[in-house]
Protein backbone atom coordinates (compact mmCIF):
# COMPACT_ATOMS: atom_id res chain seq x y z
CA UNK A 1 43.37 -16.31 -6.60
CA UNK A 2 41.91 -15.55 -3.16
CA UNK A 3 43.88 -16.84 -0.20
CA UNK A 4 40.92 -17.23 2.20
CA UNK A 5 42.33 -14.69 4.66
CA UNK A 6 41.78 -11.49 2.71
CA UNK A 7 38.55 -9.43 2.82
CA UNK A 8 35.85 -9.94 0.24
CA UNK A 9 36.16 -6.30 -0.86
CA UNK A 10 38.92 -3.76 -0.25
CA UNK A 11 39.03 -0.14 -1.37
CA UNK A 12 42.36 1.64 -1.05
CA UNK A 13 42.69 5.44 -1.49
CA UNK A 14 39.87 5.39 -4.03
CA UNK A 15 39.55 8.57 -6.13
CA UNK A 16 36.85 8.93 -8.79
CA UNK A 17 36.46 12.10 -10.86
CA UNK A 18 34.17 13.23 -13.66
CA UNK A 19 35.22 15.49 -16.51
CA UNK A 20 32.99 18.46 -17.34
CA UNK A 21 32.76 19.59 -20.96
CA UNK A 22 33.19 23.26 -21.66
CA UNK A 23 30.07 25.10 -22.79
CA UNK A 24 28.78 28.61 -23.36
CA UNK A 25 29.70 30.59 -20.28
CA UNK A 26 31.02 27.45 -18.60
CA UNK A 27 34.66 26.38 -18.56
CA UNK A 28 35.59 22.75 -18.70
CA UNK A 29 37.08 21.05 -15.70
CA UNK A 30 36.94 18.11 -13.38
CA UNK A 31 34.65 17.24 -10.44
CA UNK A 32 36.11 14.94 -7.82
CA UNK A 33 33.15 12.85 -6.62
CA UNK A 34 35.18 10.51 -4.38
CA UNK A 35 38.47 11.50 -2.78
CA UNK A 36 40.68 9.03 -0.92
CA UNK A 37 38.15 6.48 0.37
CA UNK A 38 39.48 3.30 1.97
CA UNK A 39 37.43 0.49 3.50
CA UNK A 40 37.22 -3.28 3.76
CA UNK A 41 34.19 -5.58 3.78
CA UNK A 42 34.43 -9.16 4.97
CA UNK A 43 32.22 -12.06 3.88
CA UNK A 44 28.88 -11.90 5.68
CA UNK A 45 29.52 -8.33 6.84
CA UNK A 46 27.26 -5.30 6.33
CA UNK A 47 28.89 -1.90 5.94
CA UNK A 48 26.84 1.29 5.69
CA UNK A 49 27.88 4.45 3.84
CA UNK A 50 25.85 7.36 5.22
CA UNK A 51 26.15 10.96 4.10
CA UNK A 52 24.36 13.88 2.54
CA UNK A 53 23.16 13.89 -1.06
CA UNK A 54 26.02 14.38 -3.52
CA UNK A 55 28.77 13.19 -1.16
CA UNK A 56 29.75 10.24 -3.41
CA UNK A 57 27.89 7.19 -2.04
CA UNK A 58 26.42 6.28 -5.44
CA UNK A 59 29.73 6.85 -7.21
CA UNK A 60 31.47 4.47 -4.81
CA UNK A 61 28.83 1.78 -5.49
CA UNK A 62 29.12 2.29 -9.26
CA UNK A 63 32.92 2.13 -9.05
CA UNK A 64 32.75 -1.14 -7.09
CA UNK A 65 30.69 -2.84 -9.80
CA UNK A 66 32.81 -1.39 -12.61
CA UNK A 67 30.26 1.00 -14.12
CA UNK A 68 32.67 3.85 -13.36
CA UNK A 69 36.45 3.52 -13.56
CA UNK A 70 38.46 4.98 -10.66
CA UNK A 71 40.83 7.85 -11.35
CA UNK A 72 43.29 6.37 -8.87
CA UNK A 73 43.39 3.92 -6.01
CA UNK A 74 42.36 0.29 -6.11
CA UNK A 75 39.19 -1.80 -5.87
CA UNK A 76 40.06 -5.38 -4.89
CA UNK A 77 37.47 -8.17 -4.90
CA UNK A 78 38.87 -11.34 -3.29
CA UNK A 79 42.32 -9.90 -3.95
CA UNK A 80 41.72 -9.17 -7.65
CA UNK A 81 42.11 -5.61 -8.89
CA UNK A 82 38.88 -4.95 -10.80
CA UNK A 83 40.35 -2.08 -12.82
CA UNK A 84 43.05 -4.39 -14.18
CA UNK A 85 40.76 -7.23 -15.25
CA UNK A 86 40.06 -7.88 -18.96
CA UNK A 87 36.51 -6.99 -20.06
CA UNK A 88 35.42 -10.64 -20.40
CA UNK A 89 36.57 -11.56 -16.90
CA UNK A 90 35.02 -8.42 -15.42
CA UNK A 91 31.69 -9.27 -17.09
CA UNK A 92 31.79 -12.76 -15.59
CA UNK A 93 32.64 -11.37 -12.16
CA UNK A 94 29.70 -8.98 -12.20
CA UNK A 95 27.40 -11.89 -11.43
CA UNK A 96 29.03 -11.99 -8.00
CA UNK A 97 28.71 -8.22 -7.38
CA UNK A 98 25.17 -6.95 -7.98
CA UNK A 99 23.91 -3.40 -7.55
CA UNK A 100 20.55 -2.12 -6.30
CA UNK A 101 20.04 1.19 -8.06
CA UNK A 102 18.78 4.29 -6.27
CA UNK A 103 15.87 4.93 -8.66
CA UNK A 104 14.13 1.56 -9.13
CA UNK A 105 11.70 2.82 -11.77
CA UNK A 106 14.53 4.01 -14.02
CA UNK A 107 16.33 0.67 -13.51
CA UNK A 108 13.37 -1.52 -14.56
CA UNK A 109 12.26 -1.99 -18.16
CA UNK A 110 8.64 -0.72 -18.16
CA UNK A 111 7.68 -3.08 -21.01
CA UNK A 112 8.63 -6.22 -19.10
CA UNK A 113 6.68 -7.98 -16.37
CA UNK A 114 8.32 -8.54 -13.00
CA UNK A 115 8.71 -12.24 -13.74
CA UNK A 116 10.42 -11.51 -17.06
CA UNK A 117 12.76 -8.97 -15.41
CA UNK A 118 13.94 -11.57 -12.90
CA UNK A 119 14.25 -14.35 -15.50
CA UNK A 120 16.38 -12.08 -17.69
CA UNK A 121 19.21 -12.52 -15.18
CA UNK A 122 19.21 -16.28 -15.83
CA UNK A 123 19.24 -15.76 -19.60
CA UNK A 124 22.34 -13.56 -19.25
CA UNK A 125 23.98 -16.00 -16.82
CA UNK A 126 22.85 -19.47 -18.02
CA UNK A 127 23.26 -22.52 -15.82
CA UNK A 128 22.33 -20.87 -12.52
CA UNK A 129 18.74 -22.14 -12.46
CA UNK A 130 17.26 -24.91 -14.67
CA UNK A 131 14.67 -23.42 -17.00
CA UNK A 132 11.92 -25.72 -15.71
CA UNK A 133 12.38 -24.17 -12.23
CA UNK A 134 12.30 -20.51 -13.28
CA UNK A 135 8.68 -19.88 -12.27
CA UNK A 136 9.21 -21.55 -8.90
CA UNK A 137 12.37 -19.50 -8.26
CA UNK A 138 10.60 -16.26 -9.24
CA UNK A 139 7.88 -16.98 -6.66
CA UNK A 140 10.50 -17.74 -4.01
CA UNK A 141 12.42 -14.51 -4.70
CA UNK A 142 9.25 -12.40 -4.57
CA UNK A 143 8.30 -13.98 -1.27
CA UNK A 144 11.80 -13.31 0.07
CA UNK A 145 11.44 -9.57 -0.55
CA UNK A 146 7.87 -9.33 0.74
CA UNK A 147 5.92 -9.45 -2.54
CA UNK A 148 3.19 -11.86 -3.63
CA UNK A 149 3.41 -14.57 -6.34
CA UNK A 150 0.78 -12.85 -8.51
CA UNK A 151 3.01 -9.77 -8.74
CA UNK A 152 5.16 -11.69 -11.24
CA UNK A 153 2.64 -10.92 -13.99
CA UNK A 154 2.49 -7.16 -13.42
CA UNK A 155 4.56 -4.31 -14.88
CA UNK A 156 6.72 -1.82 -12.90
CA UNK A 157 4.26 1.10 -13.25
CA UNK A 158 1.68 -0.91 -11.27
CA UNK A 159 3.77 -0.79 -8.09
CA UNK A 160 4.64 1.80 -5.46
CA UNK A 161 8.20 3.11 -5.15
CA UNK A 162 8.94 0.82 -2.21
CA UNK A 163 7.63 -2.22 -4.09
CA UNK A 164 9.76 -1.37 -7.13
CA UNK A 165 12.80 -1.26 -4.87
CA UNK A 166 11.92 -4.78 -3.68
CA UNK A 167 11.69 -5.91 -7.30
CA UNK A 168 15.19 -4.51 -7.92
CA UNK A 169 16.49 -6.40 -4.89
CA UNK A 170 14.84 -9.64 -6.05
CA UNK A 171 16.42 -9.26 -9.50
CA UNK A 172 19.84 -8.67 -7.95
CA UNK A 173 19.47 -11.73 -5.69
CA UNK A 174 18.47 -13.92 -8.65
CA UNK A 175 22.13 -14.45 -9.65
CA UNK A 176 23.20 -15.32 -6.08
CA UNK A 177 25.82 -12.59 -5.68
CA UNK A 178 28.64 -12.62 -3.16
CA UNK A 179 28.30 -8.85 -2.70
CA UNK A 180 25.29 -6.53 -3.00
CA UNK A 181 26.09 -2.79 -2.89
CA UNK A 182 22.81 -1.00 -2.09
CA UNK A 183 22.18 2.71 -1.73
CA UNK A 184 21.09 4.15 1.61
CA UNK A 185 18.35 6.45 0.40
CA UNK A 186 15.54 8.60 1.62
CA UNK A 187 12.24 7.16 0.39
CA UNK A 188 8.51 7.32 0.88
CA UNK A 189 6.19 4.38 1.51
CA UNK A 190 2.44 4.42 0.81
CA UNK A 191 -0.49 2.18 1.59
CA UNK A 192 -2.57 1.86 -1.59
CA UNK A 193 -5.77 -0.02 -0.75
CA UNK A 194 -7.34 0.59 -4.16
CA UNK A 195 -4.21 -0.74 -5.87
CA UNK A 196 -4.06 -3.93 -3.82
CA UNK A 197 -1.24 -2.94 -1.45
CA UNK A 198 -2.93 -1.74 1.76
CA UNK A 199 -0.24 -2.95 4.18
CA UNK A 200 2.98 -1.53 2.67
CA UNK A 201 3.77 0.55 5.77
CA UNK A 202 3.52 -2.37 8.20
CA UNK A 203 5.79 -4.44 5.96
CA UNK A 204 8.36 -1.66 5.62
CA UNK A 205 8.51 -0.88 9.34
CA UNK A 206 8.61 -4.53 10.39
CA UNK A 207 11.39 -5.03 7.85
CA UNK A 208 13.44 -2.25 9.45
CA UNK A 209 12.92 -3.83 12.87
CA UNK A 210 14.07 -7.23 11.58
CA UNK A 211 17.24 -5.63 10.18
CA UNK A 212 18.19 -3.94 13.46
CA UNK A 213 21.30 -5.63 14.89
CA UNK A 214 22.11 -6.53 18.50
CA UNK A 215 23.37 -3.53 20.46
CA UNK A 216 21.31 -1.04 18.46
CA UNK A 217 18.30 0.91 19.73
CA UNK A 218 14.73 1.26 18.48
CA UNK A 219 12.49 4.04 19.85
CA UNK A 220 8.81 4.17 18.96
CA UNK A 221 6.25 6.87 19.78
CA UNK A 222 2.79 5.70 18.75
CA UNK A 223 -0.92 6.34 19.02
CA UNK A 224 -2.99 3.16 18.52
CA UNK A 225 -1.74 -0.40 17.99
CA UNK A 226 -4.41 -3.08 17.81
CA UNK A 227 -5.58 -6.13 15.89
CA UNK A 228 -3.44 -8.34 13.68
CA UNK A 229 -1.36 -5.42 12.34
CA UNK A 230 -0.50 -4.15 15.82
CA UNK A 231 0.24 -7.68 17.01
CA UNK A 232 2.58 -8.33 14.08
CA UNK A 233 4.55 -5.20 14.87
CA UNK A 234 4.61 -5.91 18.61
CA UNK A 235 5.91 -9.43 17.93
CA UNK A 236 8.76 -8.02 15.82
CA UNK A 237 9.69 -5.59 18.61
CA UNK A 238 9.73 -8.43 21.14
CA UNK A 239 11.95 -10.54 18.86
CA UNK A 240 14.32 -7.57 18.50
CA UNK A 241 14.47 -7.23 22.29
CA UNK A 242 15.25 -10.94 22.59
CA UNK A 243 18.25 -10.55 20.28
CA UNK A 244 19.66 -7.76 22.48
CA UNK A 245 18.25 -4.70 20.74
CA UNK A 246 17.19 -1.94 23.15
CA UNK A 247 13.50 -1.39 22.38
CA UNK A 248 11.78 1.63 23.92
CA UNK A 249 8.13 2.43 23.29
CA UNK A 250 5.92 5.39 24.28
CA UNK A 251 2.19 4.77 23.74
CA UNK A 252 -0.93 6.85 24.02
CA UNK A 253 -3.25 5.81 26.84
CA UNK A 254 -5.94 4.99 24.24
CA UNK A 255 -8.14 2.16 25.47
CA UNK A 256 -8.22 0.59 21.98
CA UNK A 257 -4.50 -0.14 22.27
CA UNK A 258 -4.61 -1.59 25.79
CA UNK A 259 -4.11 -5.22 24.75
CA UNK A 260 -0.94 -4.49 22.73
CA UNK A 261 0.36 -2.17 25.47
CA UNK A 262 -0.10 -4.97 28.01
CA UNK A 263 1.63 -7.48 25.72
CA UNK A 264 4.63 -5.21 25.14
CA UNK A 265 4.88 -4.22 28.80
CA UNK A 266 5.01 -7.87 29.82
CA UNK A 267 7.86 -8.57 27.40
CA UNK A 268 9.89 -5.35 27.64
CA UNK A 269 9.12 -4.16 31.16
CA UNK A 270 8.18 -0.66 32.28
CA UNK A 271 11.39 0.46 34.02
CA UNK A 272 12.63 3.44 31.96
CA UNK A 273 16.09 3.03 33.51
CA UNK A 274 16.46 -0.34 31.74
CA UNK A 275 17.59 -0.98 28.17
CA UNK A 276 14.10 -1.86 26.93
CA UNK A 277 10.80 -0.57 28.25
CA UNK A 278 7.26 0.59 27.54
CA UNK A 279 5.71 3.79 28.85
CA UNK A 280 1.98 4.43 28.49
CA UNK A 281 1.04 8.12 28.78
CA UNK A 282 -1.02 8.91 31.87
CA UNK A 283 -2.85 11.94 30.50
CA UNK A 284 -5.17 12.76 32.29
CA UNK A 285 -7.46 10.81 29.91
CA UNK A 286 -9.55 12.83 27.46
CA UNK A 287 -12.11 11.17 25.20
CA UNK A 288 -10.48 7.75 25.60
CA UNK A 289 -6.95 8.98 24.84
CA UNK A 290 -4.10 10.22 27.04
CA UNK A 291 -1.14 12.43 26.07
CA UNK A 292 2.33 12.60 27.54
CA UNK A 293 3.13 16.31 26.90
CA UNK A 294 -0.22 17.76 25.79
CA UNK A 295 -3.65 17.26 27.36
CA UNK A 296 -5.48 15.20 24.69
CA UNK A 297 -3.65 12.42 22.85
CA UNK A 298 -0.15 11.09 22.19
CA UNK A 299 -0.88 11.10 18.45
CA UNK A 300 2.69 10.62 17.18
CA UNK A 301 3.60 7.79 14.80
CA UNK A 302 7.39 7.82 14.51
CA UNK A 303 10.17 5.24 14.73
CA UNK A 304 13.87 5.81 15.42
CA UNK A 305 16.60 3.29 14.59
CA UNK A 306 20.16 3.93 15.75
CA UNK A 307 21.12 1.28 13.17
CA UNK A 308 19.11 -0.84 10.76
CA UNK A 309 20.39 -2.71 7.73
CA UNK A 310 23.24 -0.65 6.33
CA UNK A 311 22.04 2.69 7.74
CA UNK A 312 22.45 4.67 10.94
CA UNK A 313 20.36 7.42 12.59
CA UNK A 314 17.18 6.44 10.74
CA UNK A 315 13.97 8.42 11.30
CA UNK A 316 10.66 7.02 10.06
CA UNK A 317 7.72 9.44 10.20
CA UNK A 318 4.32 7.92 9.46
CA UNK A 319 0.67 8.93 9.32
CA UNK A 320 -0.61 5.42 10.09
CA UNK A 321 -1.92 3.79 13.20
CA UNK A 322 -0.97 0.12 13.40
CA UNK A 323 -4.50 -1.24 13.20
CA UNK A 324 -6.30 -3.58 10.84
CA UNK A 325 -8.31 -0.75 9.25
CA UNK A 326 -5.11 1.22 8.64
CA UNK A 327 -3.73 -1.84 6.84
CA UNK A 328 -6.86 -2.67 4.84
CA UNK A 329 -8.83 0.33 3.56
CA UNK A 330 -6.90 3.41 4.75
CA UNK A 331 -4.54 5.39 2.55
CA UNK A 332 -1.43 6.26 4.59
CA UNK A 333 2.06 7.61 4.01
CA UNK A 334 5.45 7.35 5.65
CA UNK A 335 8.92 8.70 4.93
CA UNK A 336 12.21 6.95 5.77
CA UNK A 337 15.11 9.34 6.43
CA UNK A 338 18.53 7.74 7.06
CA UNK A 339 21.78 9.39 8.04
CA UNK A 340 20.58 12.77 9.34
CA UNK A 341 22.06 12.73 12.85
CA UNK A 342 20.72 16.16 13.80
CA UNK A 343 17.20 15.13 12.84
CA UNK A 344 17.57 11.82 14.66
CA UNK A 345 18.80 13.61 17.80
CA UNK A 346 15.90 16.10 17.62
CA UNK A 347 13.36 13.28 17.50
CA UNK A 348 15.22 11.41 20.25
CA UNK A 349 15.06 14.52 22.47
CA UNK A 350 11.31 14.82 21.90
CA UNK A 351 10.94 11.09 22.60
CA UNK A 352 12.73 11.54 25.94
CA UNK A 353 10.39 14.39 26.87
CA UNK A 354 7.38 12.23 25.99
CA UNK A 355 8.66 9.39 28.16
CA UNK A 356 9.32 11.79 31.05
CA UNK A 357 5.84 13.36 30.58
CA UNK A 358 7.16 16.92 30.58
CA UNK A 359 3.72 18.54 30.44
CA UNK A 360 3.63 21.76 28.43
CA UNK A 361 0.77 23.02 26.24
CA UNK A 362 3.28 25.37 24.59
CA UNK A 363 5.97 22.75 24.07
CA UNK A 364 6.44 23.78 20.40
CA UNK A 365 10.01 23.21 19.13
CA UNK A 366 11.44 23.62 15.63
CA UNK A 367 14.70 21.97 14.54
CA UNK A 368 16.27 22.67 11.13
CA UNK A 369 18.65 20.16 9.57
CA UNK A 370 20.30 19.90 6.18
CA UNK A 371 17.20 18.72 4.33
CA UNK A 372 14.38 18.75 6.89
CA UNK A 373 12.64 20.93 9.42
CA UNK A 374 10.87 19.18 12.30
CA UNK A 375 8.05 20.79 14.30
CA UNK A 376 7.14 19.21 17.65
CA UNK A 377 3.76 19.97 19.25
CA UNK A 378 1.57 21.10 21.07
CA UNK A 379 1.67 24.83 20.24
CA UNK A 380 -0.25 27.43 22.25
CA UNK A 381 -0.74 30.06 19.55
CA UNK A 382 -0.27 30.66 15.83
CA UNK A 383 -0.49 28.08 13.05
CA UNK A 384 2.64 26.99 11.14
CA UNK A 385 0.59 25.71 8.17
CA UNK A 386 -0.98 29.14 7.71
CA UNK A 387 2.49 30.66 8.02
CA UNK A 388 3.91 28.33 5.34
CA UNK A 389 1.02 28.99 2.95
CA UNK A 390 1.70 32.70 3.45
CA UNK A 391 5.06 32.17 1.73
CA UNK A 392 3.45 30.85 -1.48
CA UNK A 393 3.23 33.01 -4.60
CA UNK A 394 1.03 32.10 -7.54
CA UNK A 395 3.30 33.86 -10.04
CA UNK A 396 4.47 31.46 -12.72
CA UNK A 397 1.95 28.75 -11.91
CA UNK A 398 2.18 27.16 -8.47
CA UNK A 399 0.43 23.88 -7.64
CA UNK A 400 -0.67 22.92 -4.13
CA UNK A 401 -1.86 19.40 -3.34
CA UNK A 402 -3.24 18.31 0.05
CA UNK A 403 -3.88 14.68 0.98
CA UNK A 404 -5.22 15.25 4.48
CA UNK A 405 -7.21 13.06 6.81
CA UNK A 406 -9.06 15.60 8.98
CA UNK A 407 -10.03 19.28 8.68
CA UNK A 408 -12.02 21.22 11.29
CA UNK A 409 -13.46 24.74 11.50
CA UNK A 410 -11.13 25.75 14.34
CA UNK A 411 -8.37 25.99 11.73
CA UNK A 412 -10.53 27.70 9.12
CA UNK A 413 -7.55 29.93 8.32
CA UNK A 414 -5.85 27.01 6.51
CA UNK A 415 -8.63 26.41 3.93
CA UNK A 416 -9.21 30.18 3.70
CA UNK A 417 -5.58 30.65 2.67
CA UNK A 418 -5.90 27.85 0.10
CA UNK A 419 -9.08 29.42 -1.30
CA UNK A 420 -7.34 32.79 -1.62
CA UNK A 421 -4.35 31.23 -3.37
CA UNK A 422 -6.65 29.54 -5.88
CA UNK A 423 -8.37 32.87 -6.52
CA UNK A 424 -4.95 34.38 -7.28
CA UNK A 425 -4.16 31.72 -9.88
CA UNK A 426 -2.59 28.82 -7.97
CA UNK A 427 -3.77 25.31 -8.78
CA UNK A 428 -5.22 23.85 -5.55
CA UNK A 429 -6.27 20.18 -5.30
CA UNK A 430 -7.48 18.49 -2.13
CA UNK A 431 -8.36 14.92 -1.21
CA UNK A 432 -9.80 14.66 2.31
CA UNK A 433 -11.15 12.05 4.69
CA UNK A 434 -13.18 14.04 7.25
CA UNK A 435 -14.04 17.71 6.81
CA UNK A 436 -16.31 20.05 8.76
CA UNK A 437 -19.21 21.41 6.71
CA UNK A 438 -18.02 25.01 7.22
CA UNK A 439 -14.62 24.14 5.76
CA UNK A 440 -16.10 22.30 2.79
CA UNK A 441 -18.51 25.17 1.98
CA UNK A 442 -15.65 27.69 2.11
CA UNK A 443 -13.51 25.67 -0.29
CA UNK A 444 -16.29 24.79 -2.72
CA UNK A 445 -17.32 28.45 -2.95
CA UNK A 446 -14.13 29.00 -4.98
CA UNK A 447 -14.59 27.09 -8.28
CA UNK A 448 -10.84 26.98 -8.88
CA UNK A 449 -10.34 24.72 -5.82
CA UNK A 450 -10.75 21.02 -6.64
CA UNK A 451 -12.06 19.09 -3.61
CA UNK A 452 -12.40 15.31 -3.61
CA UNK A 453 -13.41 12.95 -0.80
CA UNK A 454 -12.20 9.54 0.31
CA UNK A 455 -13.99 9.18 3.62
CA UNK A 456 -15.39 5.65 3.83
CA UNK A 457 -13.12 3.22 5.64
CA UNK A 458 -15.73 0.48 5.35
CA UNK A 459 -15.28 -0.13 1.63
CA UNK A 460 -12.91 0.52 -1.24
CA UNK A 461 -11.58 2.83 -2.61
CA UNK A 462 -11.15 3.55 1.11
CA UNK A 463 -10.46 6.49 3.39
CA UNK A 464 -7.64 9.01 3.34
CA UNK A 465 -5.66 8.81 6.57
CA UNK A 466 -2.53 10.35 5.03
CA UNK A 467 -1.38 13.74 6.24
CA UNK A 468 0.60 15.73 3.70
CA UNK A 469 0.78 19.02 1.83
CA UNK A 470 2.78 19.45 -1.40
CA UNK A 471 3.92 22.80 -2.79
CA UNK A 472 5.41 23.07 -6.28
CA UNK A 473 6.33 26.41 -7.78
CA UNK A 474 6.98 29.77 -6.08
CA UNK A 475 7.58 29.42 -2.35
CA UNK A 476 9.56 31.69 -0.04
CA UNK A 477 11.41 33.35 -2.93
CA UNK A 478 12.23 30.06 -4.69
CA UNK A 479 10.47 29.89 -8.07
CA UNK A 480 11.20 26.18 -8.49
CA UNK A 481 10.28 24.83 -5.05
CA UNK A 482 9.28 21.20 -4.42
CA UNK A 483 8.27 20.92 -0.76
CA UNK A 484 6.65 18.11 1.20
CA UNK A 485 4.96 18.75 4.56
CA UNK A 486 3.99 15.54 6.34
CA UNK A 487 3.73 13.87 9.73
CA UNK A 488 1.03 12.81 12.20
CA UNK A 489 -0.48 16.30 12.13
CA UNK A 490 -4.12 16.78 11.02
CA UNK A 491 -5.59 20.17 10.18
CA UNK A 492 -7.67 20.31 13.37
CA UNK A 493 -7.53 21.92 16.79
CA UNK A 494 -6.28 18.92 18.74
CA UNK A 495 -3.26 18.37 16.45
CA UNK A 496 -2.24 22.01 16.87
CA UNK A 497 -3.09 22.83 20.49
CA UNK A 498 -3.53 19.66 22.56
CA UNK A 499 -1.88 16.58 21.05
CA UNK A 500 1.66 15.30 21.06
CA UNK A 501 2.40 15.54 17.29
CA UNK A 502 5.18 15.94 14.75
CA UNK A 503 5.21 17.82 11.43
CA UNK A 504 8.09 17.56 8.94
CA UNK A 505 9.01 19.91 6.09
CA UNK A 506 11.18 18.19 3.48
CA UNK A 507 13.03 19.52 0.46
CA UNK A 508 13.85 16.46 -1.65
CA UNK A 509 12.74 16.24 -5.29
CA UNK A 510 12.78 12.44 -5.44
CA UNK A 511 10.57 12.32 -2.37
CA UNK A 512 8.36 15.01 -3.84
CA UNK A 513 7.79 13.00 -7.03
CA UNK A 514 6.85 9.94 -4.99
CA UNK A 515 4.29 11.95 -3.03
CA UNK A 516 2.81 13.51 -6.17
CA UNK A 517 2.40 10.05 -7.71
CA UNK A 518 0.60 8.87 -4.59
CA UNK A 519 -1.64 11.94 -4.55
CA UNK A 520 -2.63 11.41 -8.17
CA UNK A 521 -3.47 7.77 -7.37
CA UNK A 522 -5.84 8.95 -4.63
CA UNK A 523 -7.26 11.70 -6.82
CA UNK A 524 -8.01 9.22 -9.60
CA UNK A 525 -10.32 7.14 -7.38
CA UNK A 526 -11.80 9.93 -5.22
CA UNK A 527 -15.15 11.42 -6.29
CA UNK A 528 -15.64 15.18 -6.35
CA UNK A 529 -17.06 16.58 -3.14
CA UNK A 530 -20.43 18.32 -3.00
CA UNK A 531 -21.98 20.84 -0.63
């Protein structure tokens, strides 16, 4: 029995290995997934495991809940050795140790509604919630994780990846666990106005702010914040500051964001030597905007968290402005990247240069990390998108998808390269928001390029404000590539030559699948473009 003084969970010299079966041309053997891990977790404490893919985080979580047996070492829960417990007692104890799986879609029965998935926990563990209160409790759990009551009647395939993760969390919380091992994962978040979830990005980012503990730091570089969406985010930043989080914000000098900039400046101050502050770029102003490094606009939309929830060194790169239109009828995307310290430091260095207004129209920097490559703008010559498309081969059937807000004729080399790739046999599909006539004529002249438009932000299905390029197939010598290019970067002159911008290249298949699913959602509601 627990004494009251011991930790809730204790791992001691944990080793977990997997046996490999011998096959043709492959000897049998053993893979050590976890080697000598020790840690303790107290009641009410959050502990984050951060590391590269394949380092053993998931295996540790599965070992804690008893899905995988340790090869050696001990897993103690309230002083009880889980490996030594009889099967019946271990099954009973699992109610107190729930797991949030890395792939929420694979963990949810596609034939069951969300309400039924949550209620299933109470059928397995009777007595927790009286049956007559099940519907009420389902609504309360959905609200707790940021979903709406009507979502209870929908099926998993009707939700985005981020929403499915919330469903998994709600199901885990349904049995009131003492411990909740959750994976720290890279994931994408998408606004889906046509699907009834136009504000997913605001919810996700505000949620990260709310989870940031005292003593941590939040750094935000942003273009426009206005309206109810901008106010909601600003209020969360102010609350974080009030609980002793260092909150630092760099904003474009855009006149549309003046009210939020004034509100934040009043709460956080403007002294960049302090812990929290706001800096508004001075420009000089150009067309109502003002950059910090370039000479047009501070068009970045990124967020850095030294710690949030159970993760450290978190980078969030978004395409969305925090405005009411961007949270109502605009399709947008964001990617959340935890645990990549080199990437975090690269963004933090760029953020410092923005705050110091180190003017340079050829600022261009490229930083390569384990799974990402970050490009920081402006750039005086050349075009990295054209360069990347030059590495694509159509041999074997390559597919290119572009969900891109703006295209102009200054960068005609980008659509010209896409047209040429389609002529050589690549599948090329584009959904755009705004496109110069010259660009559209060039693309539509090649019948093997599919061009669709989502350009009306005044009505559904809405307007594409996302900014991403997906390459699947032969790229840079890799015949099975799955690359995502995303950021704040449009395919226009200002994003390349004049704005403060960021472009990310990512090599993560789970992320890639999430982006493809989002693209196909847009494609399904976007009409074909015409000359």
